[in-house]
Amino acid sequence: MAKLYYRYGAMNSGKTTALLQVAFNYNERGMRVLILKASVDTKGGDHIVSRLGVSHKVDVLVSPDMDILDIVRADTAAHGSAPACVLCDESQFFTPAQAEQLFMVTVDLNIPVICYGLRSDFSLKGFPGSTRLLELAHTIEEMKTICTCGRKATCNCRRVNGEFVFEGEQVAIDLENDVQYVSMCPQCYFKARRAFYAKRNAQ
């Protein structure tokens, strides 16, 4: 039986690199994959780009109004056979309905789906899409990375113009509009958060 896998991790835990390795492994064996990315993630345009400098064109940029089951069925019809696997980058940006559609790709079409994404945002709140994936996935795997202090990093800290911020819209794309993200352990995250509010209250 095909399964839905959700592989989550903090920023810079190698999620995109892992996806590209999986795609390479399938392709090396003569098996075709279908690579999807949420259109809200404008970083790299129609490519997924890893920090190692490796990139790959996505097959479909998925907007919030698109049905992923329809996308997979159309891809199957166009190629005359189903993809061996559906790979999804930045999966936290899919809608909850699309997370359910990815689950149904495994149920109705018997095609494995591997999603990579964040569990929570810079304020430690879950993304609606990733929350639904965590609820539905057959297998959940954490991809680990470390904080600058050496502890395990589980938090995503947003930096704008070089300053850490803890307020704002949930979605702000990395490396656009002077936005950057840093993965941190909880101890360093809350130290930076306390400093942010102390500085703001002192003004």
Protein backbone atom coordinates (compact mmCIF):
# COMPACT_ATOMS: atom_id res chain seq x y z
CA MET A 1 0.00 0.00 0.00
CA ALA A 2 1.29 3.44 -0.92
CA LYS A 3 1.96 5.80 1.98
CA LEU A 4 2.02 9.52 2.67
CA TYR A 5 5.29 10.56 4.29
CA TYR A 6 5.78 13.91 5.99
CA ARG A 7 9.42 14.77 6.58
CA TYR A 8 9.64 17.97 8.57
CA GLY A 9 12.47 19.96 10.05
CA ALA A 10 13.60 23.45 10.96
CA MET A 11 15.11 25.71 8.34
CA ASN A 12 18.40 24.48 6.90
CA SER A 13 17.86 20.86 7.92
CA GLY A 14 18.42 19.66 4.36
CA LYS A 15 14.83 19.03 3.30
CA THR A 16 15.21 20.19 -0.31
CA THR A 17 18.55 18.42 -0.66
CA ALA A 18 16.91 15.20 0.54
CA LEU A 19 14.05 15.63 -1.95
CA LEU A 20 16.51 16.10 -4.80
CA GLN A 21 18.39 12.97 -3.73
CA VAL A 22 15.18 10.95 -3.72
CA ALA A 23 14.30 12.27 -7.20
CA PHE A 24 17.77 11.37 -8.44
CA ASN A 25 17.50 7.86 -7.04
CA TYR A 26 14.19 7.24 -8.80
CA ASN A 27 15.41 8.72 -12.08
CA GLU A 28 18.63 6.70 -11.96
CA ARG A 29 16.48 3.58 -11.93
CA GLY A 30 14.43 4.75 -14.88
CA MET A 31 11.44 5.71 -12.74
CA ARG A 32 9.62 9.00 -13.18
CA VAL A 33 8.67 11.28 -10.30
CA LEU A 34 6.25 14.20 -10.15
CA ILE A 35 7.67 17.21 -8.29
CA LEU A 36 5.25 19.76 -6.86
CA LYS A 37 5.80 23.07 -5.09
CA ALA A 38 3.29 25.52 -3.66
CA SER A 39 3.17 28.64 -5.82
CA VAL A 40 3.25 30.90 -2.75
CA ASP A 41 6.91 29.91 -2.36
CA THR A 42 8.41 32.26 -4.93
CA LYS A 43 12.01 31.50 -3.97
CA GLY A 44 13.66 29.95 -7.01
CA GLY A 45 10.64 30.58 -9.23
CA ASP A 46 9.71 27.32 -10.95
CA HIS A 47 12.74 25.55 -9.46
CA ILE A 48 13.50 24.11 -6.07
CA VAL A 49 16.92 25.18 -4.87
CA SER A 50 18.96 23.62 -2.09
CA ARG A 51 21.57 25.44 -0.03
CA LEU A 52 24.20 23.26 -1.70
CA GLY A 53 23.48 25.09 -4.95
CA VAL A 54 21.67 22.19 -6.59
CA SER A 55 18.37 22.99 -8.28
CA HIS A 56 15.65 21.15 -10.18
CA LYS A 57 12.69 22.38 -12.17
CA VAL A 58 9.34 21.55 -10.62
CA ASP A 59 6.69 19.85 -12.71
CA VAL A 60 3.78 21.86 -11.32
CA LEU A 61 3.56 25.04 -9.26
CA VAL A 62 0.47 24.42 -7.17
CA SER A 63 -1.77 27.40 -6.45
CA PRO A 64 -4.25 27.23 -3.52
CA ASP A 65 -7.23 26.65 -5.83
CA MET A 66 -5.75 23.61 -7.59
CA ASP A 67 -6.77 20.02 -6.86
CA ILE A 68 -3.71 17.80 -6.49
CA LEU A 69 -5.63 14.64 -7.32
CA ASP A 70 -6.53 16.25 -10.66
CA ILE A 71 -2.87 17.22 -11.19
CA VAL A 72 -1.68 13.65 -10.65
CA ARG A 73 -4.41 12.18 -12.86
CA ALA A 74 -3.57 14.67 -15.65
CA ASP A 75 0.14 13.82 -15.35
CA THR A 76 -0.66 10.11 -15.58
CA ALA A 77 -2.80 10.64 -18.67
CA ALA A 78 -0.14 12.82 -20.32
CA HIS A 79 2.63 10.25 -19.81
CA GLY A 80 0.58 7.10 -20.26
CA SER A 81 1.59 5.83 -16.83
CA ALA A 82 1.49 7.02 -13.26
CA PRO A 83 4.56 8.58 -11.63
CA ALA A 84 6.48 6.27 -9.34
CA CYS A 85 6.29 8.85 -6.57
CA VAL A 86 4.99 12.36 -5.91
CA LEU A 87 7.53 14.65 -4.22
CA CYS A 88 6.44 17.92 -2.61
CA ASP A 89 8.71 20.74 -1.47
CA GLU A 90 7.73 23.50 1.00
CA SER A 91 4.62 21.48 1.83
CA GLN A 92 3.62 23.72 4.73
CA PHE A 93 2.27 26.14 2.12
CA PHE A 94 -0.32 23.70 0.78
CA THR A 95 -3.86 24.23 2.04
CA PRO A 96 -5.43 21.70 4.44
CA ALA A 97 -7.65 20.54 1.56
CA GLN A 98 -4.56 19.93 -0.58
CA ALA A 99 -2.97 17.98 2.27
CA GLU A 100 -6.05 15.77 2.21
CA GLN A 101 -5.73 15.43 -1.57
CA LEU A 102 -2.13 14.28 -1.18
CA PHE A 103 -3.36 11.65 1.28
CA MET A 104 -5.98 10.52 -1.23
CA VAL A 105 -3.29 10.16 -3.93
CA THR A 106 -1.97 7.29 -1.82
CA VAL A 107 -5.44 5.90 -1.08
CA ASP A 108 -7.19 6.20 -4.45
CA LEU A 109 -4.24 6.12 -6.87
CA ASN A 110 -1.83 3.94 -4.84
CA ILE A 111 1.07 6.32 -5.50
CA PRO A 112 3.49 7.10 -2.66
CA VAL A 113 3.78 10.76 -1.67
CA ILE A 114 6.74 12.28 0.16
CA CYS A 115 6.26 15.79 1.52
CA TYR A 116 9.01 17.99 2.92
CA GLY A 117 8.29 21.10 4.94
CA LEU A 118 8.22 23.03 8.18
CA ARG A 119 6.15 22.07 11.19
CA SER A 120 5.73 25.60 12.58
CA ASP A 121 6.40 29.22 11.66
CA PHE A 122 8.65 31.88 13.20
CA SER A 123 6.18 32.41 16.06
CA LEU A 124 5.98 28.65 16.78
CA LYS A 125 2.48 28.35 15.35
CA GLY A 126 1.64 25.54 12.96
CA PHE A 127 1.04 26.16 9.29
CA PRO A 128 -2.47 24.94 8.38
CA GLY A 129 -1.09 22.69 5.63
CA SER A 130 1.63 21.10 7.72
CA THR A 131 -0.75 20.62 10.66
CA ARG A 132 -3.08 18.64 8.41
CA LEU A 133 -0.17 16.62 7.00
CA LEU A 134 0.91 15.75 10.53
CA GLU A 135 -2.63 14.56 11.22
CA LEU A 136 -2.88 12.44 8.06
CA ALA A 137 0.57 11.11 7.21
CA HIS A 138 1.19 7.39 7.49
CA THR A 139 4.79 8.11 8.45
CA ILE A 140 6.20 11.24 10.10
CA GLU A 141 9.96 11.78 10.15
CA GLU A 142 11.95 14.61 11.70
CA MET A 143 14.96 15.95 9.83
CA LYS A 144 17.43 17.29 12.34
CA THR A 145 19.75 20.27 12.33
CA ILE A 146 21.69 22.19 14.97
CA CYS A 147 21.63 25.66 16.47
CA THR A 148 24.76 27.83 16.46
CA CYS A 149 25.17 26.89 20.14
CA GLY A 150 25.36 23.21 19.22
CA ARG A 151 21.98 22.16 20.58
CA LYS A 152 19.29 20.57 18.41
CA ALA A 153 17.42 23.28 16.47
CA THR A 154 13.63 23.01 16.34
CA CYS A 155 12.59 26.67 15.99
CA ASN A 156 12.62 28.99 12.99
CA CYS A 157 13.64 32.56 13.81
CA ARG A 158 12.91 35.36 11.32
CA ARG A 159 15.41 38.12 10.72
CA VAL A 160 14.55 41.29 8.78
CA ASN A 161 17.37 43.65 7.82
CA GLY A 162 19.60 41.68 10.16
CA GLU A 163 17.32 42.07 13.19
CA PHE A 164 15.29 39.26 14.75
CA VAL A 165 11.54 39.88 14.66
CA PHE A 166 8.70 38.03 16.34
CA GLU A 167 5.67 39.75 14.86
CA GLY A 168 4.28 39.91 11.33
CA GLU A 169 2.57 37.85 8.66
CA GLN A 170 2.96 34.08 8.84
CA VAL A 171 4.34 33.85 5.30
CA ALA A 172 7.45 35.80 4.34
CA ILE A 173 9.72 34.06 1.86
CA ASP A 174 13.37 33.47 2.76
CA LEU A 175 15.84 35.81 1.01
CA GLU A 176 13.09 38.14 -0.27
CA ASN A 177 12.52 41.68 1.04
CA ASP A 178 15.55 41.38 3.35
CA VAL A 179 14.00 38.38 5.15
CA GLN A 180 16.19 35.55 6.38
CA TYR A 181 15.53 32.59 8.65
CA VAL A 182 17.79 31.04 11.25
CA SER A 183 17.17 27.66 12.86
CA MET A 184 17.55 27.79 16.64
CA CYS A 185 17.18 25.66 19.72
CA PRO A 186 14.37 26.72 22.08
CA GLN A 187 16.83 28.26 24.54
CA CYS A 188 18.38 30.59 21.94
CA TYR A 189 14.99 31.31 20.36
CA PHE A 190 13.42 32.55 23.59
CA LYS A 191 16.58 34.48 24.50
CA ALA A 192 16.27 36.36 21.18
CA ARG A 193 12.52 36.77 21.69
CA ARG A 194 12.93 38.26 25.16
CA ALA A 195 15.57 40.65 23.81
CA PHE A 196 13.23 41.73 21.02
CA TYR A 197 10.37 42.64 23.37
CA ALA A 198 12.71 44.22 25.93
CA LYS A 199 14.14 46.50 23.25
CA ARG A 200 10.69 47.38 21.91
CA ASN A 201 9.29 48.14 25.37
CA ALA A 202 12.28 50.36 26.14
CA GLN A 203 11.63 52.54 23.10
